[in-house]
Amino acid sequence: MKHLHYLLAPLCTIALLATPAHATPPPVGTSTATVQLTGWLHVDDLEMRDVDLVVSVNGAQSRVRVNNSGRFEVNLPGESAVTLRFEKPGHVAKEITVDTRNLQDGGFDGQRKRQVKMAVIMEQERYMGGLTFAGPVGRIGFEQGGGCVAVEHTRTTEPAKRRGVMEF
């Protein structure tokens, strides 16, 4: 009897190891899925120092660096509404929207990053005849049920807002 505690400790350890462990699933509504958006920007003068790329994710804005070759990279969270706004002096600003809902549809493994690549060409104001783009020039999303990348382009233009003449 005095050696019983020496036998009980290994038996309890074996019993614990033999019990199947069950992981609890993540809470509903949380997603770790992300989209890595890689793009290349083209401007006629090939000068990227004065390019301004502002990314709005669910209303929060941040600036993203465009490197000397025009490449930029943005990591976007799942279940988000995103707007990318490209600006450069002497060029017409462009906006692109990205909707990351349905990112995990179609059996996509939500623990990995989805990768999307794109290109943006900036037009010089002098070639646009006083016009600007009426809204986003592109929309990127993911198809409901299948998760495939869906892209839409538009080049709808409208007269640019004129700066009024200042009188003194």
N, C-alpha and C. Protein backbone atom coordinates (compact mmCIF):
# COMPACT_ATOMS: atom_id res chain seq x y z
N MET A 1 0.81 -1.19 0.00
CA MET A 1 0.00 0.00 0.00
C MET A 1 0.85 1.25 0.00
N LYS A 2 2.03 1.19 0.63
CA LYS A 2 2.80 2.41 0.70
C LYS A 2 3.39 2.79 -0.66
N HIS A 3 3.41 1.92 -1.67
CA HIS A 3 3.92 2.24 -3.00
C HIS A 3 2.80 2.53 -4.00
N LEU A 4 1.57 2.64 -3.52
CA LEU A 4 0.42 2.87 -4.38
C LEU A 4 0.50 4.21 -5.12
N HIS A 5 0.99 5.26 -4.45
CA HIS A 5 1.05 6.57 -5.11
C HIS A 5 2.07 6.56 -6.26
N TYR A 6 3.08 5.68 -6.22
CA TYR A 6 4.03 5.55 -7.33
C TYR A 6 3.38 4.92 -8.55
N LEU A 7 2.37 4.10 -8.34
CA LEU A 7 1.66 3.48 -9.45
C LEU A 7 0.56 4.37 -10.00
N LEU A 8 -0.09 5.16 -9.16
CA LEU A 8 -1.21 6.00 -9.59
C LEU A 8 -0.77 7.13 -10.52
N ALA A 9 0.37 7.73 -10.27
CA ALA A 9 0.83 8.86 -11.09
C ALA A 9 1.02 8.44 -12.55
N PRO A 10 1.73 7.37 -12.88
CA PRO A 10 1.86 6.96 -14.29
C PRO A 10 0.53 6.54 -14.90
N LEU A 11 -0.35 5.89 -14.12
CA LEU A 11 -1.65 5.49 -14.66
C LEU A 11 -2.50 6.70 -15.02
N CYS A 12 -2.47 7.73 -14.20
CA CYS A 12 -3.24 8.96 -14.49
C CYS A 12 -2.69 9.65 -15.73
N THR A 13 -1.38 9.66 -15.89
CA THR A 13 -0.76 10.27 -17.06
C THR A 13 -1.16 9.52 -18.33
N ILE A 14 -1.15 8.20 -18.28
CA ILE A 14 -1.55 7.39 -19.44
C ILE A 14 -3.02 7.63 -19.76
N ALA A 15 -3.86 7.73 -18.76
CA ALA A 15 -5.29 7.97 -18.97
C ALA A 15 -5.51 9.34 -19.64
N LEU A 16 -4.78 10.37 -19.23
CA LEU A 16 -4.91 11.70 -19.84
C LEU A 16 -4.46 11.70 -21.29
N LEU A 17 -3.37 10.98 -21.59
CA LEU A 17 -2.87 10.94 -22.96
C LEU A 17 -3.80 10.16 -23.88
N ALA A 18 -4.52 9.21 -23.34
CA ALA A 18 -5.42 8.41 -24.15
C ALA A 18 -6.74 9.11 -24.42
N THR A 19 -7.06 10.18 -23.68
CA THR A 19 -8.30 10.92 -23.88
C THR A 19 -8.18 11.80 -25.11
N PRO A 20 -9.11 11.70 -26.07
CA PRO A 20 -9.01 12.53 -27.27
C PRO A 20 -9.20 14.00 -26.93
N ALA A 21 -8.41 14.86 -27.57
CA ALA A 21 -8.51 16.29 -27.35
C ALA A 21 -9.31 16.90 -28.48
N HIS A 22 -10.18 17.83 -28.17
CA HIS A 22 -11.00 18.51 -29.18
C HIS A 22 -10.70 20.00 -29.11
N ALA A 23 -10.31 20.57 -30.25
CA ALA A 23 -10.07 22.01 -30.30
C ALA A 23 -11.40 22.71 -30.50
N THR A 24 -11.55 23.83 -29.85
CA THR A 24 -12.77 24.59 -30.03
C THR A 24 -12.64 25.44 -31.30
N PRO A 25 -13.68 25.49 -32.10
CA PRO A 25 -13.61 26.26 -33.34
C PRO A 25 -13.53 27.75 -33.03
N PRO A 26 -13.00 28.55 -33.97
CA PRO A 26 -12.96 29.99 -33.73
C PRO A 26 -14.36 30.56 -33.67
N PRO A 27 -14.55 31.67 -32.96
CA PRO A 27 -15.88 32.26 -32.87
C PRO A 27 -16.41 32.62 -34.25
N VAL A 28 -17.71 32.47 -34.41
CA VAL A 28 -18.35 32.79 -35.69
C VAL A 28 -18.17 34.27 -35.99
N GLY A 29 -17.85 34.59 -37.24
CA GLY A 29 -17.71 35.99 -37.64
C GLY A 29 -16.27 36.47 -37.63
N THR A 30 -15.36 35.71 -37.07
CA THR A 30 -13.97 36.14 -37.11
C THR A 30 -13.29 35.48 -38.29
N SER A 31 -12.47 36.22 -38.98
CA SER A 31 -11.80 35.70 -40.16
C SER A 31 -10.34 36.10 -40.11
N THR A 32 -9.49 35.14 -40.36
CA THR A 32 -8.06 35.45 -40.43
C THR A 32 -7.62 35.53 -41.89
N ALA A 33 -8.56 35.34 -42.81
CA ALA A 33 -8.23 35.38 -44.23
C ALA A 33 -7.86 36.81 -44.63
N THR A 34 -6.85 36.91 -45.47
CA THR A 34 -6.43 38.21 -45.97
C THR A 34 -6.17 38.13 -47.47
N VAL A 35 -6.10 39.30 -48.08
CA VAL A 35 -5.77 39.42 -49.50
C VAL A 35 -4.50 40.22 -49.61
N GLN A 36 -3.52 39.68 -50.31
CA GLN A 36 -2.30 40.43 -50.60
C GLN A 36 -2.48 40.99 -52.01
N LEU A 37 -2.68 42.30 -52.07
CA LEU A 37 -2.88 42.98 -53.34
C LEU A 37 -1.55 43.58 -53.79
N THR A 38 -1.03 43.08 -54.90
CA THR A 38 0.23 43.57 -55.45
C THR A 38 -0.09 44.28 -56.75
N GLY A 39 0.43 45.48 -56.92
CA GLY A 39 0.13 46.22 -58.13
C GLY A 39 1.33 46.95 -58.67
N TRP A 40 1.18 47.37 -59.92
CA TRP A 40 2.20 48.15 -60.59
C TRP A 40 1.53 49.38 -61.15
N LEU A 41 2.09 50.52 -60.88
CA LEU A 41 1.57 51.80 -61.34
C LEU A 41 2.43 52.29 -62.49
N HIS A 42 1.78 52.78 -63.55
CA HIS A 42 2.52 53.32 -64.67
C HIS A 42 2.17 54.80 -64.84
N VAL A 43 3.22 55.61 -64.94
CA VAL A 43 3.07 57.04 -65.27
C VAL A 43 4.08 57.33 -66.38
N ASP A 44 3.71 58.25 -67.27
CA ASP A 44 4.54 58.52 -68.44
C ASP A 44 5.96 58.95 -68.11
N ASP A 45 6.13 59.77 -67.07
CA ASP A 45 7.48 60.26 -66.77
C ASP A 45 8.29 59.28 -65.90
N LEU A 46 7.68 58.16 -65.52
CA LEU A 46 8.33 57.12 -64.72
C LEU A 46 8.82 57.62 -63.36
N GLU A 47 8.34 58.75 -62.90
CA GLU A 47 8.73 59.33 -61.61
C GLU A 47 7.68 58.98 -60.56
N MET A 48 8.09 58.27 -59.52
CA MET A 48 7.15 57.80 -58.50
C MET A 48 7.23 58.56 -57.18
N ARG A 49 8.19 59.47 -57.05
CA ARG A 49 8.36 60.16 -55.75
C ARG A 49 7.14 60.97 -55.35
N ASP A 50 6.41 61.52 -56.34
CA ASP A 50 5.28 62.38 -56.01
C ASP A 50 3.93 61.67 -56.14
N VAL A 51 3.94 60.36 -56.24
CA VAL A 51 2.70 59.58 -56.28
C VAL A 51 2.17 59.44 -54.86
N ASP A 52 0.88 59.62 -54.71
CA ASP A 52 0.24 59.47 -53.42
C ASP A 52 -0.79 58.35 -53.53
N LEU A 53 -0.62 57.28 -52.76
CA LEU A 53 -1.57 56.17 -52.73
C LEU A 53 -2.17 56.12 -51.33
N VAL A 54 -3.47 56.41 -51.26
CA VAL A 54 -4.18 56.39 -49.98
C VAL A 54 -5.12 55.19 -50.00
N VAL A 55 -5.03 54.35 -48.97
CA VAL A 55 -5.85 53.16 -48.85
C VAL A 55 -6.80 53.37 -47.68
N SER A 56 -8.10 53.25 -47.95
CA SER A 56 -9.13 53.35 -46.92
C SER A 56 -9.72 51.97 -46.69
N VAL A 57 -9.56 51.46 -45.48
CA VAL A 57 -10.10 50.15 -45.11
C VAL A 57 -11.16 50.36 -44.05
N ASN A 58 -12.41 50.10 -44.40
CA ASN A 58 -13.54 50.29 -43.48
C ASN A 58 -13.51 51.68 -42.84
N GLY A 59 -13.11 52.69 -43.61
CA GLY A 59 -13.11 54.07 -43.15
C GLY A 59 -11.79 54.57 -42.59
N ALA A 60 -10.88 53.69 -42.22
CA ALA A 60 -9.57 54.09 -41.69
C ALA A 60 -8.60 54.25 -42.86
N GLN A 61 -7.93 55.41 -42.91
CA GLN A 61 -7.02 55.70 -44.02
C GLN A 61 -5.56 55.53 -43.64
N SER A 62 -4.77 55.08 -44.64
CA SER A 62 -3.33 55.03 -44.47
C SER A 62 -2.67 55.25 -45.82
N ARG A 63 -1.44 55.70 -45.80
CA ARG A 63 -0.68 55.92 -47.04
C ARG A 63 0.20 54.70 -47.29
N VAL A 64 0.31 54.35 -48.57
CA VAL A 64 1.11 53.20 -48.97
C VAL A 64 2.20 53.69 -49.90
N ARG A 65 3.39 53.19 -49.71
CA ARG A 65 4.54 53.59 -50.51
C ARG A 65 4.51 52.87 -51.86
N VAL A 66 4.79 53.64 -52.91
CA VAL A 66 4.96 53.09 -54.26
C VAL A 66 6.45 53.17 -54.54
N ASN A 67 7.11 52.04 -54.85
CA ASN A 67 8.56 52.09 -55.03
C ASN A 67 8.92 52.69 -56.39
N ASN A 68 10.20 52.83 -56.64
CA ASN A 68 10.68 53.51 -57.85
C ASN A 68 10.26 52.83 -59.15
N SER A 69 9.97 51.54 -59.11
CA SER A 69 9.51 50.85 -60.32
C SER A 69 7.99 50.87 -60.46
N GLY A 70 7.30 51.51 -59.51
CA GLY A 70 5.84 51.60 -59.56
C GLY A 70 5.12 50.49 -58.81
N ARG A 71 5.87 49.62 -58.15
CA ARG A 71 5.26 48.49 -57.44
C ARG A 71 4.76 48.93 -56.07
N PHE A 72 3.58 48.41 -55.71
CA PHE A 72 3.04 48.64 -54.37
C PHE A 72 2.41 47.35 -53.88
N GLU A 73 2.31 47.22 -52.58
CA GLU A 73 1.73 46.02 -51.97
C GLU A 73 0.88 46.43 -50.78
N VAL A 74 -0.33 45.87 -50.73
CA VAL A 74 -1.27 46.18 -49.66
C VAL A 74 -1.85 44.87 -49.16
N ASN A 75 -1.85 44.67 -47.85
CA ASN A 75 -2.50 43.50 -47.24
C ASN A 75 -3.85 43.94 -46.70
N LEU A 76 -4.90 43.29 -47.19
CA LEU A 76 -6.26 43.68 -46.84
C LEU A 76 -6.93 42.59 -46.02
N PRO A 77 -7.63 42.97 -44.95
CA PRO A 77 -8.34 41.97 -44.15
C PRO A 77 -9.60 41.49 -44.86
N GLY A 78 -10.02 40.27 -44.53
CA GLY A 78 -11.27 39.75 -45.05
C GLY A 78 -12.45 40.54 -44.52
N GLU A 79 -13.58 40.42 -45.19
CA GLU A 79 -14.83 41.08 -44.80
C GLU A 79 -14.68 42.60 -44.70
N SER A 80 -13.98 43.20 -45.66
CA SER A 80 -13.70 44.63 -45.63
C SER A 80 -14.12 45.32 -46.92
N ALA A 81 -14.41 46.60 -46.78
CA ALA A 81 -14.65 47.48 -47.93
C ALA A 81 -13.44 48.39 -48.04
N VAL A 82 -12.76 48.37 -49.19
CA VAL A 82 -11.50 49.08 -49.36
C VAL A 82 -11.57 49.99 -50.58
N THR A 83 -10.95 51.16 -50.45
CA THR A 83 -10.81 52.07 -51.58
C THR A 83 -9.33 52.44 -51.70
N LEU A 84 -8.79 52.31 -52.91
CA LEU A 84 -7.43 52.74 -53.20
C LEU A 84 -7.54 53.99 -54.07
N ARG A 85 -6.90 55.07 -53.65
CA ARG A 85 -6.93 56.32 -54.41
C ARG A 85 -5.51 56.68 -54.82
N PHE A 86 -5.31 56.80 -56.14
CA PHE A 86 -4.01 57.12 -56.72
C PHE A 86 -4.03 58.58 -57.17
N GLU A 87 -3.03 59.35 -56.73
CA GLU A 87 -2.92 60.75 -57.13
C GLU A 87 -1.48 61.07 -57.49
N LYS A 88 -1.32 61.91 -58.51
CA LYS A 88 -0.01 62.39 -58.93
C LYS A 88 -0.25 63.74 -59.58
N PRO A 89 0.54 64.75 -59.24
CA PRO A 89 0.37 66.07 -59.86
C PRO A 89 0.43 65.97 -61.39
N GLY A 90 -0.51 66.66 -62.05
CA GLY A 90 -0.56 66.66 -63.50
C GLY A 90 -1.29 65.46 -64.09
N HIS A 91 -1.82 64.59 -63.24
CA HIS A 91 -2.52 63.40 -63.69
C HIS A 91 -3.92 63.37 -63.07
N VAL A 92 -4.84 62.69 -63.74
CA VAL A 92 -6.20 62.54 -63.23
C VAL A 92 -6.19 61.45 -62.15
N ALA A 93 -6.75 61.77 -60.98
CA ALA A 93 -6.81 60.81 -59.88
C ALA A 93 -7.68 59.62 -60.27
N LYS A 94 -7.32 58.44 -59.74
CA LYS A 94 -8.10 57.21 -59.98
C LYS A 94 -8.40 56.54 -58.66
N GLU A 95 -9.59 55.96 -58.59
CA GLU A 95 -9.98 55.16 -57.43
C GLU A 95 -10.35 53.76 -57.88
N ILE A 96 -10.00 52.80 -57.04
CA ILE A 96 -10.36 51.39 -57.26
C ILE A 96 -10.93 50.88 -55.94
N THR A 97 -12.05 50.17 -56.02
CA THR A 97 -12.64 49.61 -54.81
C THR A 97 -12.37 48.11 -54.77
N VAL A 98 -12.19 47.60 -53.56
CA VAL A 98 -11.97 46.17 -53.34
C VAL A 98 -12.93 45.73 -52.25
N ASP A 99 -13.68 44.69 -52.52
CA ASP A 99 -14.62 44.13 -51.56
C ASP A 99 -14.14 42.72 -51.21
N THR A 100 -13.72 42.52 -49.98
CA THR A 100 -13.15 41.22 -49.60
C THR A 100 -14.18 40.28 -48.98
N ARG A 101 -15.47 40.63 -49.09
CA ARG A 101 -16.48 39.65 -48.66
C ARG A 101 -16.42 38.46 -49.61
N ASN A 102 -16.87 37.33 -49.20
CA ASN A 102 -16.89 36.08 -49.98
C ASN A 102 -15.49 35.57 -50.28
N LEU A 103 -14.51 36.08 -49.60
CA LEU A 103 -13.12 35.69 -49.80
C LEU A 103 -12.89 34.20 -49.57
N GLN A 104 -13.60 33.63 -48.60
CA GLN A 104 -13.38 32.23 -48.24
C GLN A 104 -14.36 31.29 -48.93
N ASP A 105 -15.24 31.81 -49.78
CA ASP A 105 -16.20 30.95 -50.47
C ASP A 105 -15.47 30.00 -51.42
N GLY A 106 -16.11 28.91 -51.75
CA GLY A 106 -15.55 27.97 -52.70
C GLY A 106 -14.48 27.07 -52.12
N GLY A 107 -14.49 26.87 -50.81
CA GLY A 107 -13.53 25.96 -50.19
C GLY A 107 -12.16 26.56 -49.96
N PHE A 108 -12.03 27.87 -50.05
CA PHE A 108 -10.73 28.49 -49.82
C PHE A 108 -10.32 28.33 -48.37
N ASP A 109 -9.06 27.98 -48.15
CA ASP A 109 -8.49 27.84 -46.82
C ASP A 109 -8.24 29.23 -46.24
N GLY A 110 -9.03 29.63 -45.28
CA GLY A 110 -8.96 30.97 -44.72
C GLY A 110 -7.71 31.28 -43.92
N GLN A 111 -6.84 30.32 -43.73
CA GLN A 111 -5.62 30.58 -42.98
C GLN A 111 -4.50 31.11 -43.88
N ARG A 112 -4.70 31.07 -45.20
CA ARG A 112 -3.68 31.54 -46.14
C ARG A 112 -4.08 32.89 -46.71
N LYS A 113 -3.09 33.56 -47.30
CA LYS A 113 -3.36 34.81 -48.00
C LYS A 113 -3.79 34.52 -49.42
N ARG A 114 -4.81 35.22 -49.88
CA ARG A 114 -5.15 35.18 -51.30
C ARG A 114 -4.28 36.24 -51.95
N GLN A 115 -3.83 36.00 -53.15
CA GLN A 115 -2.99 36.96 -53.85
C GLN A 115 -3.70 37.44 -55.11
N VAL A 116 -3.77 38.76 -55.25
CA VAL A 116 -4.37 39.39 -56.42
C VAL A 116 -3.36 40.38 -56.96
N LYS A 117 -3.17 40.36 -58.28
CA LYS A 117 -2.23 41.28 -58.92
C LYS A 117 -2.99 42.18 -59.88
N MET A 118 -2.53 43.43 -59.99
CA MET A 118 -3.22 44.40 -60.82
C MET A 118 -2.26 45.45 -61.33
N ALA A 119 -2.71 46.22 -62.30
CA ALA A 119 -1.92 47.34 -62.83
C ALA A 119 -2.83 48.56 -62.94
N VAL A 120 -2.23 49.73 -62.75
CA VAL A 120 -2.95 51.00 -62.86
C VAL A 120 -2.13 51.92 -63.75
N ILE A 121 -2.79 52.51 -64.74
CA ILE A 121 -2.13 53.46 -65.63
C ILE A 121 -2.74 54.83 -65.38
N MET A 122 -1.89 55.78 -65.02
CA MET A 122 -2.35 57.15 -64.76
C MET A 122 -2.35 57.95 -66.06
N GLU A 123 -3.45 58.68 -66.32
CA GLU A 123 -3.55 59.53 -67.50
C GLU A 123 -3.19 60.96 -67.13
N GLN A 124 -2.47 61.62 -68.01
CA GLN A 124 -2.13 63.02 -67.77
C GLN A 124 -3.37 63.89 -68.01
N GLU A 125 -3.51 64.92 -67.18
CA GLU A 125 -4.66 65.82 -67.29
C GLU A 125 -4.75 66.45 -68.68
N ARG A 126 -3.62 66.80 -69.26
CA ARG A 126 -3.63 67.50 -70.54
C ARG A 126 -4.21 66.65 -71.67
N TYR A 127 -4.23 65.33 -71.52
CA TYR A 127 -4.80 64.45 -72.54
C TYR A 127 -6.26 64.09 -72.26
N MET A 128 -6.79 64.54 -71.15
CA MET A 128 -8.16 64.17 -70.77
C MET A 128 -9.20 65.22 -71.18
N GLY A 129 -8.79 66.32 -71.78
CA GLY A 129 -9.73 67.31 -72.30
C GLY A 129 -10.65 67.91 -71.25
N GLY A 130 -10.14 68.15 -70.06
CA GLY A 130 -10.97 68.75 -69.00
C GLY A 130 -11.91 67.78 -68.32
N LEU A 131 -11.72 66.49 -68.52
CA LEU A 131 -12.58 65.48 -67.90
C LEU A 131 -11.86 64.80 -66.74
N THR A 132 -12.65 64.23 -65.88
CA THR A 132 -12.16 63.42 -64.77
C THR A 132 -13.01 62.16 -64.70
N PHE A 133 -12.61 61.19 -63.95
CA PHE A 133 -13.40 59.97 -63.83
C PHE A 133 -14.56 60.20 -62.88
N ALA A 134 -15.74 59.69 -63.26
CA ALA A 134 -16.97 59.94 -62.51
C ALA A 134 -17.05 59.13 -61.22
N GLY A 135 -16.22 58.15 -61.07
CA GLY A 135 -16.23 57.29 -59.88
C GLY A 135 -15.07 56.34 -59.97
N PRO A 136 -15.13 55.26 -59.21
CA PRO A 136 -14.04 54.27 -59.29
C PRO A 136 -13.90 53.74 -60.72
N VAL A 137 -12.65 53.57 -61.16
CA VAL A 137 -12.39 53.05 -62.50
C VAL A 137 -12.33 51.52 -62.51
N GLY A 138 -12.33 50.93 -61.34
CA GLY A 138 -12.30 49.48 -61.25
C GLY A 138 -12.85 49.00 -59.92
N ARG A 139 -13.38 47.80 -59.97
CA ARG A 139 -13.87 47.15 -58.76
C ARG A 139 -13.34 45.72 -58.76
N ILE A 140 -12.82 45.31 -57.61
CA ILE A 140 -12.33 43.94 -57.43
C ILE A 140 -13.12 43.33 -56.29
N GLY A 141 -13.60 42.13 -56.49
CA GLY A 141 -14.35 41.44 -55.46
C GLY A 141 -14.19 39.94 -55.61
N PHE A 142 -14.95 39.19 -54.85
CA PHE A 142 -14.92 37.74 -54.86
C PHE A 142 -16.35 37.24 -55.00
N GLU A 143 -16.57 36.34 -55.96
CA GLU A 143 -17.91 35.86 -56.26
C GLU A 143 -18.50 35.08 -55.10
N GLN A 144 -19.76 35.36 -54.83
CA GLN A 144 -20.47 34.67 -53.76
C GLN A 144 -20.63 33.20 -54.12
N GLY A 145 -20.29 32.33 -53.20
CA GLY A 145 -20.43 30.90 -53.39
C GLY A 145 -19.20 30.23 -54.00
N GLY A 146 -18.48 30.93 -54.85
CA GLY A 146 -17.32 30.32 -55.51
C GLY A 146 -16.00 30.92 -55.10
N GLY A 147 -16.00 32.18 -54.66
CA GLY A 147 -14.78 32.84 -54.21
C GLY A 147 -13.84 33.28 -55.31
N CYS A 148 -14.23 33.11 -56.58
CA CYS A 148 -13.35 33.53 -57.68
C CYS A 148 -13.24 35.05 -57.72
N VAL A 149 -12.09 35.54 -58.17
CA VAL A 149 -11.88 36.98 -58.28
C VAL A 149 -12.78 37.52 -59.39
N ALA A 150 -13.50 38.59 -59.08
CA ALA A 150 -14.37 39.25 -60.06
C ALA A 150 -13.86 40.67 -60.25
N VAL A 151 -13.64 41.06 -61.50
CA VAL A 151 -13.09 42.38 -61.81
C VAL A 151 -14.04 43.12 -62.73
N GLU A 152 -14.24 44.38 -62.46
CA GLU A 152 -15.08 45.23 -63.30
C GLU A 152 -14.33 46.52 -63.58
N HIS A 153 -14.33 46.96 -64.84
CA HIS A 153 -13.68 48.20 -65.24
C HIS A 153 -14.74 49.19 -65.72
N THR A 154 -14.49 50.47 -65.50
CA THR A 154 -15.33 51.51 -66.05
C THR A 154 -14.47 52.74 -66.31
N ARG A 155 -14.78 53.44 -67.35
CA ARG A 155 -14.03 54.65 -67.67
C ARG A 155 -15.00 55.82 -67.86
N THR A 156 -16.08 55.81 -67.12
CA THR A 156 -17.06 56.89 -67.22
C THR A 156 -16.42 58.19 -66.75
N THR A 157 -16.56 59.21 -67.57
CA THR A 157 -15.94 60.50 -67.24
C THR A 157 -17.01 61.57 -67.06
N GLU A 158 -16.60 62.67 -66.47
CA GLU A 158 -17.45 63.85 -66.28
C GLU A 158 -16.54 65.06 -66.31
N PRO A 159 -17.12 66.24 -66.53
CA PRO A 159 -16.28 67.45 -66.54
C PRO A 159 -15.60 67.64 -65.18
N ALA A 160 -14.33 67.98 -65.22
CA ALA A 160 -13.57 68.23 -63.99
C ALA A 160 -14.10 69.49 -63.34
N LYS A 161 -14.05 69.53 -62.03
CA LYS A 161 -14.46 70.73 -61.30
C LYS A 161 -13.44 71.81 -61.57
N ARG A 162 -13.92 72.91 -62.01
CA ARG A 162 -13.04 74.04 -62.32
C ARG A 162 -12.78 74.84 -61.05
N ARG A 163 -11.58 75.28 -60.93
CA ARG A 163 -11.24 76.17 -59.81
C ARG A 163 -11.71 77.55 -60.20
N GLY A 164 -12.44 78.16 -59.33
CA GLY A 164 -12.98 79.49 -59.61
C GLY A 164 -11.91 80.57 -59.63
N VAL A 165 -12.19 81.62 -60.35
CA VAL A 165 -11.28 82.75 -60.42
C VAL A 165 -11.44 83.57 -59.14
N MET A 166 -10.30 83.87 -58.55
CA MET A 166 -10.33 84.67 -57.31
C MET A 166 -10.30 86.15 -57.67
N GLU A 167 -11.21 86.88 -57.10
CA GLU A 167 -11.24 88.32 -57.32
C GLU A 167 -10.82 89.02 -56.02
N PHE A 168 -10.04 90.05 -56.19
CA PHE A 168 -9.58 90.81 -55.01
C PHE A 168 -10.17 92.20 -55.01
